[in-house]
C-alpha atoms as a PDB file:
ATOM      1  CA  UNK A   1      38.646  22.112  35.925  1.00  0.00           C
ATOM      2  CA  UNK A   2      35.813  22.997  38.402  1.00  0.00           C
ATOM      3  CA  UNK A   3      36.958  23.252  42.125  1.00  0.00           C
ATOM      4  CA  UNK A   4      34.055  23.067  45.192  1.00  0.00           C
ATOM      5  CA  UNK A   5      33.210  26.294  46.470  1.00  0.00           C
ATOM      6  CA  UNK A   6      32.402  26.622  50.086  1.00  0.00           C
ATOM      7  CA  UNK A   7      29.232  28.391  50.581  1.00  0.00           C
ATOM      8  CA  UNK A   8      29.863  28.275  54.825  1.00  0.00           C
ATOM      9  CA  UNK A   9      27.749  31.614  55.931  1.00  0.00           C
ATOM     10  CA  UNK A  10      30.630  34.427  57.427  1.00  0.00           C
ATOM     11  CA  UNK A  11      31.799  33.735  60.495  1.00  0.00           C
ATOM     12  CA  UNK A  12      31.876  37.391  61.839  1.00  0.00           C
ATOM     13  CA  UNK A  13      27.815  37.314  63.080  1.00  0.00           C
ATOM     14  CA  UNK A  14      28.831  33.829  65.252  1.00  0.00           C
ATOM     15  CA  UNK A  15      31.808  35.843  66.388  1.00  0.00           C
ATOM     16  CA  UNK A  16      30.018  38.323  67.911  1.00  0.00           C
ATOM     17  CA  UNK A  17      27.335  36.452  69.245  1.00  0.00           C
ATOM     18  CA  UNK A  18      30.503  34.331  71.074  1.00  0.00           C
ATOM     19  CA  UNK A  19      32.000  37.666  72.041  1.00  0.00           C
ATOM     20  CA  UNK A  20      28.384  38.614  73.595  1.00  0.00           C
ATOM     21  CA  UNK A  21      27.522  35.580  75.344  1.00  0.00           C
ATOM     22  CA  UNK A  22      31.835  35.424  77.086  1.00  0.00           C
ATOM     23  CA  UNK A  23      31.610  38.937  78.369  1.00  0.00           C
ATOM     24  CA  UNK A  24      27.643  38.499  79.960  1.00  0.00           C
ATOM     25  CA  UNK A  25      29.584  35.234  81.558  1.00  0.00           C
ATOM     26  CA  UNK A  26      32.836  35.137  81.123  1.00  0.00           C
ATOM     27  CA  UNK A  27      33.567  31.578  83.287  1.00  0.00           C
ATOM     28  CA  UNK A  28      31.411  29.751  80.537  1.00  0.00           C
ATOM     29  CA  UNK A  29      33.551  27.397  77.818  1.00  0.00           C
ATOM     30  CA  UNK A  30      32.670  26.410  75.078  1.00  0.00           C
ATOM     31  CA  UNK A  31      30.642  23.826  75.557  1.00  0.00           C
ATOM     32  CA  UNK A  32      27.951  25.468  77.807  1.00  0.00           C
ATOM     33  CA  UNK A  33      28.441  28.573  75.106  1.00  0.00           C
ATOM     34  CA  UNK A  34      27.308  25.926  72.647  1.00  0.00           C
ATOM     35  CA  UNK A  35      24.281  25.181  74.326  1.00  0.00           C
ATOM     36  CA  UNK A  36      22.946  28.510  75.112  1.00  0.00           C
ATOM     37  CA  UNK A  37      23.511  29.277  71.115  1.00  0.00           C
ATOM     38  CA  UNK A  38      21.133  25.900  70.417  1.00  0.00           C
ATOM     39  CA  UNK A  39      18.434  27.253  72.485  1.00  0.00           C
ATOM     40  CA  UNK A  40      18.668  30.627  70.679  1.00  0.00           C
ATOM     41  CA  UNK A  41      18.381  28.965  67.483  1.00  0.00           C
ATOM     42  CA  UNK A  42      22.059  28.701  66.048  1.00  0.00           C
ATOM     43  CA  UNK A  43      22.771  25.490  63.801  1.00  0.00           C
ATOM     44  CA  UNK A  44      26.588  25.651  63.926  1.00  0.00           C
ATOM     45  CA  UNK A  45      28.013  22.316  65.611  1.00  0.00           C
ATOM     46  CA  UNK A  46      29.845  22.188  68.178  1.00  0.00           C
ATOM     47  CA  UNK A  47      33.564  21.825  66.361  1.00  0.00           C
ATOM     48  CA  UNK A  48      32.827  24.933  64.596  1.00  0.00           C
ATOM     49  CA  UNK A  49      32.321  26.137  67.836  1.00  0.00           C
ATOM     50  CA  UNK A  50      34.896  25.522  69.512  1.00  0.00           C
ATOM     51  CA  UNK A  51      37.328  26.530  66.372  1.00  0.00           C
ATOM     52  CA  UNK A  52      36.014  29.849  66.270  1.00  0.00           C
ATOM     53  CA  UNK A  53      36.842  29.943  70.487  1.00  0.00           C
ATOM     54  CA  UNK A  54      40.022  28.799  69.987  1.00  0.00           C
ATOM     55  CA  UNK A  55      41.183  30.967  67.091  1.00  0.00           C
ATOM     56  CA  UNK A  56      40.317  34.277  69.075  1.00  0.00           C
ATOM     57  CA  UNK A  57      42.141  32.941  71.895  1.00  0.00           C
ATOM     58  CA  UNK A  58      45.343  32.235  69.485  1.00  0.00           C
ATOM     59  CA  UNK A  59      44.877  35.636  68.236  1.00  0.00           C
ATOM     60  CA  UNK A  60      45.321  37.338  71.328  1.00  0.00           C
ATOM     61  CA  UNK A  61      47.975  34.621  72.376  1.00  0.00           C
ATOM     62  CA  UNK A  62      50.094  35.257  69.506  1.00  0.00           C
ATOM     63  CA  UNK A  63      49.685  39.365  70.496  1.00  0.00           C
ATOM     64  CA  UNK A  64      50.449  38.579  74.216  1.00  0.00           C
ATOM     65  CA  UNK A  65      54.326  37.026  72.419  1.00  0.00           C
ATOM     66  CA  UNK A  66      54.355  40.188  69.784  1.00  0.00           C
ATOM     67  CA  UNK A  67      53.584  43.070  72.531  1.00  0.00           C
ATOM     68  CA  UNK A  68      54.700  41.696  75.696  1.00  0.00           C
ATOM     69  CA  UNK A  69      53.045  42.141  79.442  1.00  0.00           C
ATOM     70  CA  UNK A  70      53.580  45.912  79.782  1.00  0.00           C
ATOM     71  CA  UNK A  71      51.821  46.373  76.301  1.00  0.00           C
ATOM     72  CA  UNK A  72      49.013  44.055  77.014  1.00  0.00           C
ATOM     73  CA  UNK A  73      48.491  46.448  80.399  1.00  0.00           C
ATOM     74  CA  UNK A  74      48.254  49.205  78.989  1.00  0.00           C
ATOM     75  CA  UNK A  75      45.602  47.633  76.004  1.00  0.00           C
ATOM     76  CA  UNK A  76      43.543  46.103  78.576  1.00  0.00           C
ATOM     77  CA  UNK A  77      40.787  44.203  77.365  1.00  0.00           C
ATOM     78  CA  UNK A  78      40.574  45.357  73.520  1.00  0.00           C
ATOM     79  CA  UNK A  79      42.868  41.825  73.110  1.00  0.00           C
ATOM     80  CA  UNK A  80      40.807  39.763  75.382  1.00  0.00           C
ATOM     81  CA  UNK A  81      38.303  38.516  72.218  1.00  0.00           C
END
């Protein structure tokens, strides 16, 4: 049996670009970041941008609940992205 194999490029490069945009312009949401990425000729859709942003937020929230508030203060900005 032949199964479908995804040929989507890895998300690491796009995550890095999103992280850079978020650090540069902290108050921009995923929609504004989508527009900025489109200006830089990024072909990804808004749903993918949302999924990558939400995944980063969910990961930091899970770590926040596991480590506690005191540990998060010690870690500083490492877990923002």
